[in-house]
């Protein structure tokens, strides 16, 4: 069972997966392997221009993988 959570009370957010992967020289496939987040989930999150909810477990795994806080994964967007 996935535990989703609202990402922000201020609107939609985009996850900075592509930027953080590029900073580390990793592909999305490498991020999926390193984090344990399914590639399909990771790709969906990376491509989304803005979303309201995400799997909290995936966010925590990604934050650990990139060695950033979960807040540093988020980029607030106006659609």
Protein backbone atom coordinates (compact mmCIF):
# COMPACT_ATOMS: atom_id res chain seq x y z
CA UNK A 1 0.00 0.00 0.00
CA UNK A 2 1.32 3.41 -0.93
CA UNK A 3 1.12 6.25 1.52
CA UNK A 4 0.54 9.45 -0.38
CA UNK A 5 0.77 12.86 1.14
CA UNK A 6 -0.06 16.37 0.01
CA UNK A 7 3.14 18.03 -1.10
CA UNK A 8 2.20 21.60 -0.34
CA UNK A 9 -0.59 23.75 0.97
CA UNK A 10 0.68 26.46 -1.42
CA UNK A 11 -0.27 24.69 -4.65
CA UNK A 12 1.52 22.32 -6.97
CA UNK A 13 5.14 21.28 -6.79
CA UNK A 14 7.62 19.78 -9.19
CA UNK A 15 10.22 17.34 -7.92
CA UNK A 16 13.78 18.36 -8.80
CA UNK A 17 14.79 14.82 -9.76
CA UNK A 18 16.36 15.62 -13.12
CA UNK A 19 18.44 18.50 -11.75
CA UNK A 20 19.70 16.52 -8.77
CA UNK A 21 20.46 13.50 -10.96
CA UNK A 22 22.43 15.72 -13.37
CA UNK A 23 24.42 17.25 -10.49
CA UNK A 24 25.50 13.72 -9.54
CA UNK A 25 26.04 12.57 -13.12
CA UNK A 26 23.29 9.93 -12.81
CA UNK A 27 20.61 8.78 -15.23
CA UNK A 28 17.06 8.19 -14.05
CA UNK A 29 17.78 4.46 -14.24
CA UNK A 30 20.71 4.93 -11.86
CA UNK A 31 18.57 7.01 -9.50
CA UNK A 32 15.94 4.25 -9.49
CA UNK A 33 18.57 1.62 -8.70
CA UNK A 34 20.25 3.69 -5.99
CA UNK A 35 17.00 4.80 -4.34
CA UNK A 36 14.86 1.71 -4.66
CA UNK A 37 12.05 3.79 -6.20
CA UNK A 38 10.50 2.02 -9.19
CA UNK A 39 11.71 3.48 -12.47
CA UNK A 40 8.14 4.04 -13.72
CA UNK A 41 7.30 6.04 -10.58
CA UNK A 42 10.51 8.01 -10.82
CA UNK A 43 9.92 8.79 -14.50
CA UNK A 44 6.36 9.96 -13.76
CA UNK A 45 7.60 12.25 -10.99
CA UNK A 46 10.48 13.58 -13.09
CA UNK A 47 8.21 14.40 -16.05
CA UNK A 48 5.37 15.99 -14.10
CA UNK A 49 5.21 19.78 -14.48
CA UNK A 50 3.36 19.97 -11.18
CA UNK A 51 1.59 17.63 -8.81
CA UNK A 52 -0.30 17.84 -5.56
CA UNK A 53 0.41 14.39 -4.03
CA UNK A 54 3.25 11.86 -3.99
CA UNK A 55 4.26 8.69 -2.19
CA UNK A 56 5.97 9.74 1.06
CA UNK A 57 8.19 6.65 1.05
CA UNK A 58 9.47 7.48 -2.43
CA UNK A 59 10.17 11.08 -1.41
CA UNK A 60 12.16 9.99 1.64
CA UNK A 61 14.16 7.46 -0.41
CA UNK A 62 14.95 10.10 -3.03
CA UNK A 63 16.00 12.64 -0.41
CA UNK A 64 18.37 10.08 1.15
CA UNK A 65 19.74 9.09 -2.25
CA UNK A 66 20.50 12.69 -3.22
CA UNK A 67 21.60 13.56 0.34
CA UNK A 68 19.18 16.48 0.54
CA UNK A 69 16.21 17.34 2.72
CA UNK A 70 12.80 16.42 1.36
CA UNK A 71 12.07 20.16 1.08
CA UNK A 72 15.06 20.53 -1.27
CA UNK A 73 13.39 18.07 -3.67
CA UNK A 74 10.43 20.42 -4.12
CA UNK A 75 10.10 23.32 -6.54
CA UNK A 76 6.84 25.28 -6.21
CA UNK A 77 5.16 25.94 -9.55
CA UNK A 78 2.33 28.05 -10.91
CA UNK A 79 0.43 26.32 -13.70
